[in-house]
């Protein structure tokens, strides 16, 4: 079973002043944005870490250091594409599936999850049916419940073609 690997990713970003969010590669109108060195796409960051972990590679902070000027305001879709190239270079040819959850009180994510699936599908060049995106709240508990930021987690299964 060395050819099938599972990975888990988690990311969180705080809100700051702004007028839109980028989550899952989709721009969402909102009265705040997520604070980060890149575009702070919390969902794509969690998916990247899941894929990197499954392939036995270091996390996105190591791959794309936040003190590296070239990553300032980086498009996370471009970074996810690079992660896809990295795992393929290690011999993992198939992403079997990705299952992700966005944790946020507001804005409501349900109207955007299908667009997110499509965007991620295009970035990774896999069928959208292999991607599942859910959203939940924390029932007003914790930093997401206080609407201080958004979190996301993802798991993936990848396969090496030997």
N, C-alpha and C. Protein backbone atom coordinates (compact mmCIF):
# COMPACT_ATOMS: atom_id res chain seq x y z
N UNK A 1 0.82 -1.21 0.00
CA UNK A 1 0.00 0.00 0.00
C UNK A 1 0.86 1.26 0.00
N UNK A 2 2.15 1.16 -0.29
CA UNK A 2 3.00 2.34 -0.34
C UNK A 2 2.61 3.30 -1.45
N UNK A 3 1.80 2.83 -2.38
CA UNK A 3 1.45 3.69 -3.52
C UNK A 3 0.25 4.58 -3.25
N UNK A 4 -0.45 4.40 -2.13
CA UNK A 4 -1.60 5.25 -1.79
C UNK A 4 -1.29 5.96 -0.49
N UNK A 5 -1.43 7.30 -0.50
CA UNK A 5 -1.09 8.11 0.66
C UNK A 5 -2.21 9.09 0.96
N UNK A 6 -2.42 9.35 2.25
CA UNK A 6 -3.41 10.32 2.69
C UNK A 6 -2.70 11.54 3.27
N UNK A 7 -3.28 12.71 3.09
CA UNK A 7 -2.70 13.92 3.65
C UNK A 7 -3.79 14.78 4.28
N UNK A 8 -3.40 15.57 5.28
CA UNK A 8 -4.32 16.45 5.97
C UNK A 8 -3.74 17.85 5.99
N UNK A 9 -4.57 18.85 5.75
CA UNK A 9 -4.12 20.23 5.80
C UNK A 9 -5.10 21.09 6.59
N UNK A 10 -4.56 22.12 7.22
CA UNK A 10 -5.37 23.05 7.99
C UNK A 10 -4.77 24.44 7.82
N UNK A 11 -5.63 25.44 7.71
CA UNK A 11 -5.14 26.81 7.63
C UNK A 11 -6.17 27.75 8.23
N UNK A 12 -5.69 28.90 8.66
CA UNK A 12 -6.54 29.92 9.26
C UNK A 12 -5.98 31.29 8.90
N UNK A 13 -6.86 32.22 8.65
CA UNK A 13 -6.46 33.61 8.41
C UNK A 13 -7.46 34.53 9.09
N UNK A 14 -6.94 35.62 9.64
CA UNK A 14 -7.78 36.64 10.27
C UNK A 14 -8.35 37.58 9.22
N UNK A 15 -9.44 38.23 9.58
CA UNK A 15 -10.01 39.26 8.71
C UNK A 15 -9.25 40.57 8.87
N UNK A 16 -9.30 41.37 7.82
CA UNK A 16 -8.86 42.76 7.86
C UNK A 16 -9.77 43.56 6.93
N UNK A 17 -9.61 44.87 6.93
CA UNK A 17 -10.43 45.72 6.08
C UNK A 17 -10.27 45.33 4.61
N UNK A 18 -11.37 45.33 3.91
CA UNK A 18 -11.35 44.99 2.49
C UNK A 18 -12.77 44.90 1.97
N UNK A 19 -12.89 44.53 0.72
CA UNK A 19 -14.23 44.46 0.14
C UNK A 19 -14.52 43.15 -0.58
N UNK A 20 -13.62 42.16 -0.44
CA UNK A 20 -13.91 40.85 -1.02
C UNK A 20 -12.96 39.81 -0.44
N UNK A 21 -13.40 38.57 -0.50
CA UNK A 21 -12.61 37.43 -0.06
C UNK A 21 -12.25 36.61 -1.28
N UNK A 22 -11.12 35.92 -1.21
CA UNK A 22 -10.79 34.91 -2.21
C UNK A 22 -10.71 33.60 -1.46
N UNK A 23 -11.64 32.71 -1.76
CA UNK A 23 -11.67 31.40 -1.11
C UNK A 23 -11.93 30.34 -2.17
N UNK A 24 -11.08 29.33 -2.19
CA UNK A 24 -11.21 28.27 -3.18
C UNK A 24 -11.03 28.78 -4.60
N UNK A 25 -10.25 29.84 -4.76
CA UNK A 25 -10.02 30.40 -6.08
C UNK A 25 -11.17 31.24 -6.60
N UNK A 26 -12.14 31.53 -5.74
CA UNK A 26 -13.35 32.28 -6.13
C UNK A 26 -13.40 33.58 -5.33
N UNK A 27 -13.71 34.67 -6.02
CA UNK A 27 -13.86 35.96 -5.37
C UNK A 27 -15.28 36.09 -4.84
N UNK A 28 -15.40 36.39 -3.55
CA UNK A 28 -16.69 36.48 -2.87
C UNK A 28 -16.86 37.91 -2.35
N UNK A 29 -17.91 38.60 -2.79
CA UNK A 29 -18.14 39.95 -2.25
C UNK A 29 -18.39 39.89 -0.74
N UNK A 30 -17.67 40.73 0.00
CA UNK A 30 -17.80 40.75 1.46
C UNK A 30 -17.18 42.05 1.95
N UNK A 31 -17.52 42.46 3.16
CA UNK A 31 -17.00 43.73 3.66
C UNK A 31 -15.64 43.61 4.34
N UNK A 32 -15.00 42.44 4.23
CA UNK A 32 -13.67 42.21 4.78
C UNK A 32 -12.91 41.31 3.82
N UNK A 33 -11.61 41.25 4.02
CA UNK A 33 -10.79 40.27 3.30
C UNK A 33 -9.95 39.53 4.31
N UNK A 34 -9.28 38.49 3.86
CA UNK A 34 -8.42 37.73 4.76
C UNK A 34 -7.00 38.28 4.70
N UNK A 35 -6.40 38.37 5.88
CA UNK A 35 -5.06 38.93 6.01
C UNK A 35 -4.03 37.82 5.81
N UNK A 36 -3.06 38.09 4.97
CA UNK A 36 -1.99 37.12 4.75
C UNK A 36 -0.93 37.68 3.84
N UNK A 37 0.19 36.98 3.78
CA UNK A 37 1.29 37.43 2.93
C UNK A 37 0.93 37.25 1.46
N UNK A 38 0.26 36.14 1.15
CA UNK A 38 -0.24 35.92 -0.21
C UNK A 38 -1.67 36.47 -0.25
N UNK A 39 -2.49 35.93 -1.13
CA UNK A 39 -3.90 36.35 -1.18
C UNK A 39 -4.73 35.76 -0.05
N UNK A 40 -4.10 34.93 0.81
CA UNK A 40 -4.72 34.36 2.01
C UNK A 40 -5.92 33.46 1.72
N UNK A 41 -5.88 32.75 0.60
CA UNK A 41 -6.96 31.82 0.25
C UNK A 41 -6.86 30.61 1.17
N UNK A 42 -7.57 30.68 2.26
CA UNK A 42 -7.49 29.69 3.33
C UNK A 42 -7.81 28.28 2.84
N UNK A 43 -8.75 28.13 1.93
CA UNK A 43 -9.11 26.80 1.43
C UNK A 43 -7.99 26.22 0.57
N UNK A 44 -7.48 27.00 -0.37
CA UNK A 44 -6.40 26.49 -1.21
C UNK A 44 -5.16 26.18 -0.38
N UNK A 45 -4.90 26.96 0.67
CA UNK A 45 -3.76 26.69 1.53
C UNK A 45 -3.92 25.35 2.25
N UNK A 46 -5.11 25.06 2.75
CA UNK A 46 -5.35 23.78 3.41
C UNK A 46 -5.20 22.62 2.42
N UNK A 47 -5.69 22.79 1.21
CA UNK A 47 -5.55 21.74 0.19
C UNK A 47 -4.09 21.55 -0.17
N UNK A 48 -3.33 22.64 -0.31
CA UNK A 48 -1.90 22.51 -0.61
C UNK A 48 -1.19 21.71 0.47
N UNK A 49 -1.45 22.02 1.74
CA UNK A 49 -0.78 21.29 2.82
C UNK A 49 -1.19 19.83 2.85
N UNK A 50 -2.44 19.54 2.52
CA UNK A 50 -2.88 18.14 2.47
C UNK A 50 -2.12 17.38 1.38
N UNK A 51 -2.02 17.99 0.20
CA UNK A 51 -1.32 17.34 -0.91
C UNK A 51 0.17 17.17 -0.60
N UNK A 52 0.78 18.21 -0.06
CA UNK A 52 2.20 18.13 0.29
C UNK A 52 2.43 17.07 1.35
N UNK A 53 1.57 17.03 2.37
CA UNK A 53 1.72 16.03 3.42
C UNK A 53 1.58 14.62 2.89
N UNK A 54 0.63 14.41 2.01
CA UNK A 54 0.43 13.08 1.44
C UNK A 54 1.66 12.63 0.65
N UNK A 55 2.31 13.57 -0.01
CA UNK A 55 3.49 13.25 -0.80
C UNK A 55 4.77 13.20 0.03
N UNK A 56 4.66 13.50 1.34
CA UNK A 56 5.83 13.48 2.21
C UNK A 56 6.73 14.69 2.00
N UNK A 57 6.16 15.79 1.56
CA UNK A 57 6.92 17.02 1.31
C UNK A 57 6.67 18.04 2.43
N UNK A 58 7.59 18.97 2.65
CA UNK A 58 7.38 20.01 3.67
C UNK A 58 6.18 20.89 3.34
N UNK A 59 5.65 21.56 4.35
CA UNK A 59 4.43 22.36 4.23
C UNK A 59 4.62 23.62 3.38
N UNK A 60 3.50 24.35 3.17
CA UNK A 60 3.56 25.51 2.29
C UNK A 60 4.42 26.64 2.85
N UNK A 61 4.54 26.75 4.16
CA UNK A 61 5.42 27.76 4.74
C UNK A 61 6.88 27.52 4.38
N UNK A 62 7.23 26.27 4.21
CA UNK A 62 8.59 25.92 3.80
C UNK A 62 8.74 26.08 2.29
N UNK A 63 7.73 25.63 1.55
CA UNK A 63 7.79 25.70 0.08
C UNK A 63 7.75 27.13 -0.42
N UNK A 64 6.91 27.96 0.21
CA UNK A 64 6.69 29.34 -0.21
C UNK A 64 6.87 30.25 1.01
N UNK A 65 8.10 30.50 1.44
CA UNK A 65 8.35 31.24 2.69
C UNK A 65 7.72 32.63 2.69
N UNK A 66 7.06 32.99 3.80
CA UNK A 66 6.40 34.29 3.87
C UNK A 66 7.36 35.47 3.90
N UNK A 67 8.65 35.21 4.14
CA UNK A 67 9.61 36.32 4.10
C UNK A 67 10.26 36.48 2.73
N UNK A 68 9.83 35.66 1.78
CA UNK A 68 10.34 35.74 0.41
C UNK A 68 9.52 36.77 -0.36
N UNK A 69 10.14 37.87 -0.80
CA UNK A 69 9.39 38.95 -1.47
C UNK A 69 8.58 38.50 -2.69
N UNK A 70 9.03 37.47 -3.39
CA UNK A 70 8.31 37.05 -4.59
C UNK A 70 6.94 36.45 -4.28
N UNK A 71 6.69 36.08 -3.01
CA UNK A 71 5.40 35.52 -2.65
C UNK A 71 4.44 36.54 -2.06
N UNK A 72 4.86 37.80 -1.96
CA UNK A 72 3.99 38.86 -1.45
C UNK A 72 2.80 39.00 -2.39
N UNK A 73 1.60 38.89 -1.86
CA UNK A 73 0.34 38.99 -2.63
C UNK A 73 0.23 37.91 -3.71
N UNK A 74 0.91 36.78 -3.53
CA UNK A 74 0.87 35.70 -4.52
C UNK A 74 -0.53 35.15 -4.69
N UNK A 75 -0.83 34.75 -5.88
CA UNK A 75 -2.10 34.10 -6.22
C UNK A 75 -2.00 32.65 -5.77
N UNK A 76 -2.83 32.25 -4.81
CA UNK A 76 -2.78 30.89 -4.29
C UNK A 76 -3.11 29.84 -5.34
N UNK A 77 -3.86 30.21 -6.37
CA UNK A 77 -4.13 29.27 -7.46
C UNK A 77 -2.83 28.89 -8.17
N UNK A 78 -1.95 29.86 -8.35
CA UNK A 78 -0.65 29.59 -8.97
C UNK A 78 0.18 28.69 -8.05
N UNK A 79 0.14 28.96 -6.75
CA UNK A 79 0.88 28.14 -5.80
C UNK A 79 0.34 26.71 -5.76
N UNK A 80 -0.98 26.55 -5.82
CA UNK A 80 -1.57 25.21 -5.84
C UNK A 80 -1.14 24.47 -7.10
N UNK A 81 -1.07 25.16 -8.21
CA UNK A 81 -0.60 24.54 -9.45
C UNK A 81 0.85 24.05 -9.28
N UNK A 82 1.67 24.83 -8.61
CA UNK A 82 3.06 24.43 -8.36
C UNK A 82 3.12 23.21 -7.44
N UNK A 83 2.25 23.19 -6.42
CA UNK A 83 2.20 22.02 -5.54
C UNK A 83 1.81 20.79 -6.34
N UNK A 84 0.86 20.92 -7.24
CA UNK A 84 0.47 19.81 -8.10
C UNK A 84 1.67 19.29 -8.90
N UNK A 85 2.48 20.19 -9.42
CA UNK A 85 3.69 19.79 -10.15
C UNK A 85 4.67 19.08 -9.23
N UNK A 86 4.80 19.57 -7.99
CA UNK A 86 5.73 18.96 -7.02
C UNK A 86 5.35 17.52 -6.71
N UNK A 87 4.06 17.29 -6.45
CA UNK A 87 3.66 15.92 -6.08
C UNK A 87 3.78 14.99 -7.29
N UNK A 88 3.53 15.51 -8.47
CA UNK A 88 3.67 14.69 -9.68
C UNK A 88 5.13 14.36 -9.94
N UNK A 89 6.01 15.31 -9.65
CA UNK A 89 7.45 15.07 -9.81
C UNK A 89 7.92 13.97 -8.87
N UNK A 90 7.25 13.83 -7.72
CA UNK A 90 7.58 12.75 -6.77
C UNK A 90 6.94 11.42 -7.16
N UNK A 91 6.25 11.39 -8.30
CA UNK A 91 5.68 10.14 -8.80
C UNK A 91 4.22 9.93 -8.49
N UNK A 92 3.56 10.90 -7.85
CA UNK A 92 2.13 10.75 -7.54
C UNK A 92 1.34 11.30 -8.72
N UNK A 93 0.77 10.41 -9.49
CA UNK A 93 0.10 10.80 -10.73
C UNK A 93 -1.40 10.99 -10.59
N UNK A 94 -1.98 10.43 -9.55
CA UNK A 94 -3.44 10.51 -9.39
C UNK A 94 -3.81 11.14 -8.06
N UNK A 95 -4.65 12.16 -8.13
CA UNK A 95 -5.32 12.65 -6.93
C UNK A 95 -6.64 11.90 -6.91
N UNK A 96 -6.78 11.00 -5.95
CA UNK A 96 -7.98 10.16 -5.90
C UNK A 96 -9.18 10.98 -5.44
N UNK A 97 -8.98 11.78 -4.39
CA UNK A 97 -10.05 12.69 -3.97
C UNK A 97 -9.52 13.73 -3.00
N UNK A 98 -10.29 14.81 -2.88
CA UNK A 98 -10.04 15.87 -1.90
C UNK A 98 -11.37 16.13 -1.20
N UNK A 99 -11.34 16.19 0.11
CA UNK A 99 -12.52 16.53 0.90
C UNK A 99 -12.13 17.68 1.80
N UNK A 100 -12.84 18.79 1.70
CA UNK A 100 -12.46 20.00 2.45
C UNK A 100 -13.66 20.62 3.14
N UNK A 101 -13.37 21.32 4.24
CA UNK A 101 -14.39 22.02 5.00
C UNK A 101 -13.92 23.44 5.28
N UNK A 102 -14.77 24.41 5.00
CA UNK A 102 -14.53 25.80 5.34
C UNK A 102 -15.29 26.09 6.63
N UNK A 103 -14.64 26.76 7.58
CA UNK A 103 -15.25 27.05 8.87
C UNK A 103 -15.39 28.57 8.99
N UNK A 104 -16.63 29.05 8.89
CA UNK A 104 -16.89 30.50 8.90
C UNK A 104 -18.33 30.77 9.29
N UNK A 105 -18.54 31.83 10.04
CA UNK A 105 -19.91 32.27 10.34
C UNK A 105 -20.48 33.01 9.13
N UNK A 106 -19.68 33.94 8.61
CA UNK A 106 -20.09 34.75 7.46
C UNK A 106 -18.88 34.99 6.58
N UNK A 107 -19.03 35.15 5.31
CA UNK A 107 -20.29 35.03 4.57
C UNK A 107 -20.68 33.56 4.41
N UNK A 108 -21.88 33.33 4.03
CA UNK A 108 -22.33 31.97 3.79
C UNK A 108 -21.62 31.45 2.54
N UNK A 109 -21.08 30.26 2.62
CA UNK A 109 -20.26 29.69 1.54
C UNK A 109 -21.04 28.85 0.54
N UNK A 110 -22.20 28.34 0.95
CA UNK A 110 -22.95 27.42 0.08
C UNK A 110 -23.17 27.95 -1.34
N UNK A 111 -23.46 29.23 -1.53
CA UNK A 111 -23.66 29.70 -2.91
C UNK A 111 -22.39 29.64 -3.78
N UNK A 112 -21.24 29.42 -3.17
CA UNK A 112 -19.97 29.48 -3.90
C UNK A 112 -19.24 28.14 -4.00
N UNK A 113 -19.70 27.11 -3.29
CA UNK A 113 -18.92 25.88 -3.24
C UNK A 113 -18.80 25.19 -4.60
N UNK A 114 -19.83 25.26 -5.41
CA UNK A 114 -19.72 24.63 -6.74
C UNK A 114 -18.69 25.36 -7.60
N UNK A 115 -18.67 26.69 -7.54
CA UNK A 115 -17.66 27.45 -8.28
C UNK A 115 -16.25 27.12 -7.77
N UNK A 116 -16.13 26.92 -6.46
CA UNK A 116 -14.84 26.54 -5.88
C UNK A 116 -14.39 25.19 -6.40
N UNK A 117 -15.31 24.23 -6.43
CA UNK A 117 -14.98 22.90 -6.96
C UNK A 117 -14.48 23.01 -8.40
N UNK A 118 -15.16 23.81 -9.20
CA UNK A 118 -14.77 23.98 -10.60
C UNK A 118 -13.39 24.64 -10.70
N UNK A 119 -13.15 25.67 -9.89
CA UNK A 119 -11.86 26.37 -9.93
C UNK A 119 -10.72 25.42 -9.54
N UNK A 120 -10.92 24.67 -8.47
CA UNK A 120 -9.88 23.75 -8.00
C UNK A 120 -9.66 22.64 -9.02
N UNK A 121 -10.74 22.18 -9.62
CA UNK A 121 -10.65 21.17 -10.67
C UNK A 121 -9.78 21.65 -11.82
N UNK A 122 -9.97 22.88 -12.23
CA UNK A 122 -9.18 23.44 -13.33
C UNK A 122 -7.72 23.62 -12.93
N UNK A 123 -7.47 24.08 -11.73
CA UNK A 123 -6.10 24.29 -11.26
C UNK A 123 -5.33 22.97 -11.22
N UNK A 124 -5.97 21.94 -10.66
CA UNK A 124 -5.31 20.64 -10.48
C UNK A 124 -5.44 19.73 -11.69
N UNK A 125 -6.27 20.12 -12.63
CA UNK A 125 -6.52 19.32 -13.84
C UNK A 125 -7.04 17.92 -13.48
N UNK A 126 -8.06 17.94 -12.59
CA UNK A 126 -8.76 16.71 -12.22
C UNK A 126 -10.26 16.96 -12.34
N UNK A 127 -11.03 15.88 -12.40
CA UNK A 127 -12.49 16.02 -12.49
C UNK A 127 -13.05 16.65 -11.21
N UNK A 128 -14.03 17.51 -11.36
CA UNK A 128 -14.62 18.18 -10.19
C UNK A 128 -15.31 17.20 -9.25
N UNK A 129 -15.73 16.05 -9.77
CA UNK A 129 -16.39 15.03 -8.93
C UNK A 129 -15.45 14.47 -7.88
N UNK A 130 -14.15 14.68 -8.06
CA UNK A 130 -13.17 14.18 -7.10
C UNK A 130 -12.95 15.14 -5.94
N UNK A 131 -13.64 16.28 -6.00
CA UNK A 131 -13.47 17.34 -5.00
C UNK A 131 -14.79 17.56 -4.27
N UNK A 132 -14.74 17.54 -2.95
CA UNK A 132 -15.91 17.83 -2.14
C UNK A 132 -15.59 19.01 -1.23
N UNK A 133 -16.46 20.00 -1.23
CA UNK A 133 -16.26 21.17 -0.37
C UNK A 133 -17.53 21.39 0.44
N UNK A 134 -17.33 21.47 1.74
CA UNK A 134 -18.42 21.71 2.67
C UNK A 134 -18.13 22.97 3.44
N UNK A 135 -19.14 23.52 4.07
CA UNK A 135 -18.95 24.68 4.94
C UNK A 135 -19.74 24.46 6.21
N UNK A 136 -19.20 24.98 7.30
CA UNK A 136 -19.88 24.88 8.58
C UNK A 136 -19.57 26.12 9.40
N UNK A 137 -20.30 26.28 10.47
CA UNK A 137 -20.02 27.35 11.43
C UNK A 137 -19.53 26.71 12.71
N UNK A 138 -19.16 27.53 13.67
CA UNK A 138 -18.81 27.02 15.00
C UNK A 138 -19.85 27.46 16.02
N UNK A 139 -21.07 27.72 15.52
CA UNK A 139 -22.18 28.10 16.40
C UNK A 139 -21.81 29.29 17.29
N UNK A 140 -21.12 30.26 16.68
CA UNK A 140 -20.71 31.51 17.33
C UNK A 140 -19.62 31.32 18.40
N UNK A 141 -18.97 30.15 18.43
CA UNK A 141 -17.90 29.88 19.39
C UNK A 141 -16.53 30.10 18.74
N UNK A 142 -15.56 30.52 19.53
CA UNK A 142 -14.20 30.67 19.06
C UNK A 142 -14.00 31.85 18.12
N UNK A 143 -12.78 31.94 17.55
CA UNK A 143 -12.47 33.10 16.70
C UNK A 143 -13.31 33.14 15.44
N UNK A 144 -13.65 31.97 14.88
CA UNK A 144 -14.53 32.01 13.69
C UNK A 144 -15.94 32.40 14.10
N UNK A 145 -16.37 31.95 15.25
CA UNK A 145 -17.70 32.32 15.76
C UNK A 145 -17.83 33.80 16.07
N UNK A 146 -16.73 34.40 16.50
CA UNK A 146 -16.71 35.84 16.75
C UNK A 146 -16.47 36.63 15.46
N UNK A 147 -16.38 35.92 14.36
CA UNK A 147 -16.15 36.49 13.03
C UNK A 147 -14.85 37.28 12.95
N UNK A 148 -13.80 36.69 13.55
CA UNK A 148 -12.47 37.29 13.50
C UNK A 148 -11.66 36.74 12.34
N UNK A 149 -12.11 35.65 11.73
CA UNK A 149 -11.39 35.04 10.62
C UNK A 149 -12.10 33.81 10.12
N UNK A 150 -11.41 33.10 9.24
CA UNK A 150 -11.94 31.89 8.62
C UNK A 150 -10.88 30.80 8.70
N UNK A 151 -11.31 29.57 8.88
CA UNK A 151 -10.41 28.41 8.88
C UNK A 151 -10.87 27.44 7.80
N UNK A 152 -9.97 26.58 7.41
CA UNK A 152 -10.32 25.51 6.46
C UNK A 152 -9.45 24.31 6.76
N UNK A 153 -10.01 23.14 6.50
CA UNK A 153 -9.24 21.90 6.61
C UNK A 153 -9.54 21.04 5.40
N UNK A 154 -8.57 20.21 5.06
CA UNK A 154 -8.72 19.36 3.89
C UNK A 154 -8.00 18.04 4.10
N UNK A 155 -8.53 17.00 3.53
CA UNK A 155 -7.84 15.71 3.43
C UNK A 155 -7.82 15.31 1.97
N UNK A 156 -6.80 14.57 1.61
CA UNK A 156 -6.73 14.09 0.23
C UNK A 156 -6.14 12.68 0.23
N UNK A 157 -6.39 12.01 -0.85
CA UNK A 157 -5.83 10.71 -1.09
C UNK A 157 -5.14 10.77 -2.45
N UNK A 158 -3.86 10.40 -2.49
CA UNK A 158 -3.13 10.42 -3.75
C UNK A 158 -2.52 9.05 -4.01
N UNK A 159 -2.22 8.79 -5.26
CA UNK A 159 -1.71 7.48 -5.64
C UNK A 159 -0.45 7.63 -6.49
N UNK A 160 0.54 6.85 -6.16
CA UNK A 160 1.78 6.82 -6.94
C UNK A 160 1.61 5.75 -8.03
N UNK A 161 2.00 6.09 -9.21
CA UNK A 161 1.98 5.13 -10.32
C UNK A 161 3.38 4.61 -10.53
N UNK A 162 3.66 3.44 -9.96
CA UNK A 162 5.00 2.85 -10.11
C UNK A 162 5.01 1.83 -11.21
